[in-house]
Protein backbone atom coordinates (compact mmCIF):
# COMPACT_ATOMS: atom_id res chain seq x y z
CA UNK A 1 0.00 0.00 0.00
CA UNK A 2 1.27 3.41 -0.93
CA UNK A 3 1.85 6.00 1.77
CA UNK A 4 0.28 8.47 -0.68
CA UNK A 5 -3.17 6.93 -0.05
CA UNK A 6 -5.05 8.52 2.83
CA UNK A 7 -8.07 7.41 4.84
CA UNK A 8 -10.52 10.24 5.51
CA UNK A 9 -13.07 9.55 8.24
CA UNK A 10 -15.89 11.30 10.10
CA UNK A 11 -17.07 13.05 6.94
CA UNK A 12 -20.43 14.76 6.84
CA UNK A 13 -23.02 12.75 4.91
CA UNK A 14 -23.45 15.84 2.70
CA UNK A 15 -19.83 15.61 1.46
CA UNK A 16 -19.41 14.73 -2.23
CA UNK A 17 -16.38 13.29 -4.04
CA UNK A 18 -15.86 16.76 -5.56
CA UNK A 19 -15.82 18.28 -2.05
CA UNK A 20 -13.27 15.68 -0.99
CA UNK A 21 -11.09 16.41 -4.02
CA UNK A 22 -11.28 20.17 -3.42
CA UNK A 23 -10.38 19.82 0.28
CA UNK A 24 -7.17 17.96 -0.52
CA UNK A 25 -6.25 19.83 -3.72
CA UNK A 26 -5.20 22.79 -1.56
CA UNK A 27 -2.32 20.60 -0.27
CA UNK A 28 -1.08 19.02 -3.49
CA UNK A 29 -2.12 17.07 -6.56
CA UNK A 30 -5.02 14.69 -5.93
CA UNK A 31 -4.71 11.59 -8.10
CA UNK A 32 -7.93 10.00 -6.88
CA UNK A 33 -10.73 10.75 -4.42
CA UNK A 34 -13.24 8.02 -3.51
CA UNK A 35 -16.19 8.44 -1.19
CA UNK A 36 -17.44 5.10 0.16
CA UNK A 37 -21.14 4.53 -0.45
CA UNK A 38 -23.54 2.11 1.22
CA UNK A 39 -24.38 -0.68 -1.23
CA UNK A 40 -28.00 -0.99 -0.12
CA UNK A 41 -29.07 2.64 0.32
CA UNK A 42 -26.63 4.37 -2.04
CA UNK A 43 -25.92 6.97 0.66
CA UNK A 44 -22.42 8.02 1.75
CA UNK A 45 -20.95 5.98 4.63
CA UNK A 46 -19.03 8.93 6.13
CA UNK A 47 -15.54 8.00 4.99
CA UNK A 48 -13.40 7.82 1.90
CA UNK A 49 -9.91 7.59 0.47
CA UNK A 50 -7.74 10.19 -1.24
CA UNK A 51 -4.54 9.41 -3.16
CA UNK A 52 -2.03 12.25 -3.33
CA UNK A 53 0.77 12.30 -5.93
CA UNK A 54 3.70 12.28 -3.46
CA UNK A 55 4.28 11.18 0.14
CA UNK A 56 5.20 14.78 1.00
CA UNK A 57 1.81 16.04 -0.26
CA UNK A 58 0.08 13.27 1.69
CA UNK A 59 1.88 14.33 4.89
CA UNK A 60 1.01 17.98 4.25
CA UNK A 61 -2.66 17.06 3.85
CA UNK A 62 -2.62 15.00 7.07
CA UNK A 63 -0.99 17.88 8.97
CA UNK A 64 -3.50 20.42 7.62
CA UNK A 65 -6.75 18.42 7.71
CA UNK A 66 -6.56 15.85 10.53
CA UNK A 67 -8.82 17.16 13.30
CA UNK A 68 -10.07 20.08 11.18
CA UNK A 69 -13.78 20.78 11.53
CA UNK A 70 -15.68 20.51 8.22
CA UNK A 71 -19.49 20.77 8.31
CA UNK A 72 -19.32 20.57 12.10
CA UNK A 73 -17.35 17.30 12.13
CA UNK A 74 -13.68 16.88 13.08
CA UNK A 75 -12.04 14.95 10.23
CA UNK A 76 -9.81 11.94 10.79
CA UNK A 77 -7.05 11.88 8.18
CA UNK A 78 -4.24 9.33 8.22
CA UNK A 79 -2.33 6.93 5.97
CA UNK A 80 -4.69 4.22 4.72
CA UNK A 81 -4.06 0.70 6.04
CA UNK A 82 -4.03 -2.28 3.67
CA UNK A 83 -7.43 -3.90 3.15
CA UNK A 84 -6.03 -7.41 3.83
CA UNK A 85 -5.44 -6.64 7.52
CA UNK A 86 -9.08 -5.71 8.13
CA UNK A 87 -10.73 -8.57 6.23
CA UNK A 88 -8.22 -11.17 7.47
CA UNK A 89 -8.99 -10.36 11.11
CA UNK A 90 -12.73 -10.82 10.61
CA UNK A 91 -12.28 -14.14 8.81
CA UNK A 92 -9.97 -15.44 11.53
CA UNK A 93 -12.49 -14.58 14.24
CA UNK A 94 -15.23 -16.48 12.42
CA UNK A 95 -12.97 -19.50 12.02
CA UNK A 96 -12.12 -19.58 15.73
CA UNK A 97 -15.77 -19.47 16.72
CA UNK A 98 -16.67 -22.36 14.44
CA UNK A 99 -13.74 -24.47 15.63
CA UNK A 100 -14.50 -23.72 19.29
CA UNK A 101 -18.14 -24.69 18.85
CA UNK A 102 -17.24 -27.96 17.14
CA UNK A 103 -14.68 -28.85 19.78
CA UNK A 104 -16.98 -28.33 22.73
CA UNK A 105 -19.77 -30.27 21.01
CA UNK A 106 -17.44 -33.22 20.41
CA UNK A 107 -16.19 -33.14 24.00
CA UNK A 108 -19.71 -33.15 25.39
CA UNK A 109 -20.68 -36.14 23.29
CA UNK A 110 -17.64 -38.09 24.48
CA UNK A 111 -18.44 -37.56 28.15
CA UNK A 112 -21.99 -38.82 27.76
CA UNK A 113 -20.89 -42.11 26.23
CA UNK A 114 -18.51 -43.14 29.05
C-alpha atoms as a PDB file:
ATOM      1  CA  UNK A   1       0.000   0.000   0.000  1.00  0.00           C
ATOM      2  CA  UNK A   2       1.274   3.410  -0.927  1.00  0.00           C
ATOM      3  CA  UNK A   3       1.852   5.998   1.774  1.00  0.00           C
ATOM      4  CA  UNK A   4       0.276   8.466  -0.682  1.00  0.00           C
ATOM      5  CA  UNK A   5      -3.171   6.934  -0.045  1.00  0.00           C
ATOM      6  CA  UNK A   6      -5.051   8.519   2.833  1.00  0.00           C
ATOM      7  CA  UNK A   7      -8.068   7.409   4.842  1.00  0.00           C
ATOM      8  CA  UNK A   8     -10.522  10.240   5.505  1.00  0.00           C
ATOM      9  CA  UNK A   9     -13.067   9.552   8.235  1.00  0.00           C
ATOM     10  CA  UNK A  10     -15.887  11.304  10.099  1.00  0.00           C
ATOM     11  CA  UNK A  11     -17.074  13.051   6.939  1.00  0.00           C
ATOM     12  CA  UNK A  12     -20.434  14.765   6.837  1.00  0.00           C
ATOM     13  CA  UNK A  13     -23.021  12.746   4.912  1.00  0.00           C
ATOM     14  CA  UNK A  14     -23.449  15.841   2.704  1.00  0.00           C
ATOM     15  CA  UNK A  15     -19.834  15.610   1.460  1.00  0.00           C
ATOM     16  CA  UNK A  16     -19.411  14.726  -2.225  1.00  0.00           C
ATOM     17  CA  UNK A  17     -16.379  13.291  -4.044  1.00  0.00           C
ATOM     18  CA  UNK A  18     -15.855  16.760  -5.556  1.00  0.00           C
ATOM     19  CA  UNK A  19     -15.817  18.283  -2.053  1.00  0.00           C
ATOM     20  CA  UNK A  20     -13.268  15.681  -0.987  1.00  0.00           C
ATOM     21  CA  UNK A  21     -11.088  16.411  -4.020  1.00  0.00           C
ATOM     22  CA  UNK A  22     -11.277  20.167  -3.420  1.00  0.00           C
ATOM     23  CA  UNK A  23     -10.385  19.817   0.283  1.00  0.00           C
ATOM     24  CA  UNK A  24      -7.174  17.956  -0.520  1.00  0.00           C
ATOM     25  CA  UNK A  25      -6.249  19.830  -3.717  1.00  0.00           C
ATOM     26  CA  UNK A  26      -5.197  22.785  -1.556  1.00  0.00           C
ATOM     27  CA  UNK A  27      -2.318  20.602  -0.268  1.00  0.00           C
ATOM     28  CA  UNK A  28      -1.080  19.017  -3.495  1.00  0.00           C
ATOM     29  CA  UNK A  29      -2.124  17.066  -6.564  1.00  0.00           C
ATOM     30  CA  UNK A  30      -5.018  14.695  -5.932  1.00  0.00           C
ATOM     31  CA  UNK A  31      -4.707  11.587  -8.095  1.00  0.00           C
ATOM     32  CA  UNK A  32      -7.927   9.996  -6.878  1.00  0.00           C
ATOM     33  CA  UNK A  33     -10.730  10.746  -4.422  1.00  0.00           C
ATOM     34  CA  UNK A  34     -13.236   8.024  -3.510  1.00  0.00           C
ATOM     35  CA  UNK A  35     -16.195   8.435  -1.193  1.00  0.00           C
ATOM     36  CA  UNK A  36     -17.437   5.100   0.156  1.00  0.00           C
ATOM     37  CA  UNK A  37     -21.135   4.532  -0.447  1.00  0.00           C
ATOM     38  CA  UNK A  38     -23.539   2.106   1.216  1.00  0.00           C
ATOM     39  CA  UNK A  39     -24.381  -0.684  -1.231  1.00  0.00           C
ATOM     40  CA  UNK A  40     -28.002  -0.989  -0.125  1.00  0.00           C
ATOM     41  CA  UNK A  41     -29.071   2.637   0.317  1.00  0.00           C
ATOM     42  CA  UNK A  42     -26.631   4.370  -2.042  1.00  0.00           C
ATOM     43  CA  UNK A  43     -25.924   6.968   0.660  1.00  0.00           C
ATOM     44  CA  UNK A  44     -22.419   8.020   1.752  1.00  0.00           C
ATOM     45  CA  UNK A  45     -20.945   5.982   4.632  1.00  0.00           C
ATOM     46  CA  UNK A  46     -19.028   8.929   6.132  1.00  0.00           C
ATOM     47  CA  UNK A  47     -15.536   8.000   4.995  1.00  0.00           C
ATOM     48  CA  UNK A  48     -13.400   7.817   1.900  1.00  0.00           C
ATOM     49  CA  UNK A  49      -9.908   7.594   0.471  1.00  0.00           C
ATOM     50  CA  UNK A  50      -7.739  10.191  -1.239  1.00  0.00           C
ATOM     51  CA  UNK A  51      -4.541   9.413  -3.156  1.00  0.00           C
ATOM     52  CA  UNK A  52      -2.027  12.253  -3.329  1.00  0.00           C
ATOM     53  CA  UNK A  53       0.771  12.301  -5.933  1.00  0.00           C
ATOM     54  CA  UNK A  54       3.697  12.283  -3.456  1.00  0.00           C
ATOM     55  CA  UNK A  55       4.278  11.180   0.141  1.00  0.00           C
ATOM     56  CA  UNK A  56       5.196  14.784   1.000  1.00  0.00           C
ATOM     57  CA  UNK A  57       1.814  16.042  -0.259  1.00  0.00           C
ATOM     58  CA  UNK A  58       0.081  13.271   1.693  1.00  0.00           C
ATOM     59  CA  UNK A  59       1.881  14.326   4.892  1.00  0.00           C
ATOM     60  CA  UNK A  60       1.012  17.984   4.251  1.00  0.00           C
ATOM     61  CA  UNK A  61      -2.662  17.065   3.852  1.00  0.00           C
ATOM     62  CA  UNK A  62      -2.616  15.001   7.071  1.00  0.00           C
ATOM     63  CA  UNK A  63      -0.995  17.882   8.966  1.00  0.00           C
ATOM     64  CA  UNK A  64      -3.499  20.420   7.623  1.00  0.00           C
ATOM     65  CA  UNK A  65      -6.745  18.419   7.706  1.00  0.00           C
ATOM     66  CA  UNK A  66      -6.556  15.848  10.532  1.00  0.00           C
ATOM     67  CA  UNK A  67      -8.824  17.155  13.297  1.00  0.00           C
ATOM     68  CA  UNK A  68     -10.066  20.080  11.177  1.00  0.00           C
ATOM     69  CA  UNK A  69     -13.779  20.783  11.531  1.00  0.00           C
ATOM     70  CA  UNK A  70     -15.676  20.506   8.218  1.00  0.00           C
ATOM     71  CA  UNK A  71     -19.492  20.765   8.310  1.00  0.00           C
ATOM     72  CA  UNK A  72     -19.318  20.574  12.102  1.00  0.00           C
ATOM     73  CA  UNK A  73     -17.352  17.297  12.130  1.00  0.00           C
ATOM     74  CA  UNK A  74     -13.679  16.876  13.078  1.00  0.00           C
ATOM     75  CA  UNK A  75     -12.036  14.955  10.225  1.00  0.00           C
ATOM     76  CA  UNK A  76      -9.807  11.939  10.793  1.00  0.00           C
ATOM     77  CA  UNK A  77      -7.048  11.880   8.177  1.00  0.00           C
ATOM     78  CA  UNK A  78      -4.235   9.329   8.220  1.00  0.00           C
ATOM     79  CA  UNK A  79      -2.326   6.930   5.969  1.00  0.00           C
ATOM     80  CA  UNK A  80      -4.692   4.216   4.724  1.00  0.00           C
ATOM     81  CA  UNK A  81      -4.055   0.697   6.037  1.00  0.00           C
ATOM     82  CA  UNK A  82      -4.032  -2.279   3.672  1.00  0.00           C
ATOM     83  CA  UNK A  83      -7.431  -3.903   3.152  1.00  0.00           C
ATOM     84  CA  UNK A  84      -6.026  -7.412   3.825  1.00  0.00           C
ATOM     85  CA  UNK A  85      -5.440  -6.644   7.515  1.00  0.00           C
ATOM     86  CA  UNK A  86      -9.082  -5.714   8.129  1.00  0.00           C
ATOM     87  CA  UNK A  87     -10.731  -8.569   6.231  1.00  0.00           C
ATOM     88  CA  UNK A  88      -8.218 -11.165   7.474  1.00  0.00           C
ATOM     89  CA  UNK A  89      -8.990 -10.363  11.115  1.00  0.00           C
ATOM     90  CA  UNK A  90     -12.729 -10.819  10.611  1.00  0.00           C
ATOM     91  CA  UNK A  91     -12.283 -14.137   8.808  1.00  0.00           C
ATOM     92  CA  UNK A  92      -9.973 -15.436  11.530  1.00  0.00           C
ATOM     93  CA  UNK A  93     -12.490 -14.577  14.236  1.00  0.00           C
ATOM     94  CA  UNK A  94     -15.227 -16.478  12.418  1.00  0.00           C
ATOM     95  CA  UNK A  95     -12.967 -19.500  12.023  1.00  0.00           C
ATOM     96  CA  UNK A  96     -12.116 -19.583  15.727  1.00  0.00           C
ATOM     97  CA  UNK A  97     -15.767 -19.470  16.720  1.00  0.00           C
ATOM     98  CA  UNK A  98     -16.672 -22.365  14.439  1.00  0.00           C
ATOM     99  CA  UNK A  99     -13.740 -24.467  15.627  1.00  0.00           C
ATOM    100  CA  UNK A 100     -14.501 -23.720  19.289  1.00  0.00           C
ATOM    101  CA  UNK A 101     -18.136 -24.694  18.847  1.00  0.00           C
ATOM    102  CA  UNK A 102     -17.238 -27.956  17.135  1.00  0.00           C
ATOM    103  CA  UNK A 103     -14.679 -28.851  19.777  1.00  0.00           C
ATOM    104  CA  UNK A 104     -16.981 -28.327  22.725  1.00  0.00           C
ATOM    105  CA  UNK A 105     -19.770 -30.267  21.006  1.00  0.00           C
ATOM    106  CA  UNK A 106     -17.440 -33.219  20.408  1.00  0.00           C
ATOM    107  CA  UNK A 107     -16.191 -33.136  23.999  1.00  0.00           C
ATOM    108  CA  UNK A 108     -19.710 -33.148  25.394  1.00  0.00           C
ATOM    109  CA  UNK A 109     -20.685 -36.141  23.294  1.00  0.00           C
ATOM    110  CA  UNK A 110     -17.636 -38.093  24.483  1.00  0.00           C
ATOM    111  CA  UNK A 111     -18.437 -37.560  28.149  1.00  0.00           C
ATOM    112  CA  UNK A 112     -21.989 -38.825  27.756  1.00  0.00           C
ATOM    113  CA  UNK A 113     -20.885 -42.113  26.226  1.00  0.00           C
ATOM    114  CA  UNK A 114     -18.510 -43.142  29.045  1.00  0.00           C
END
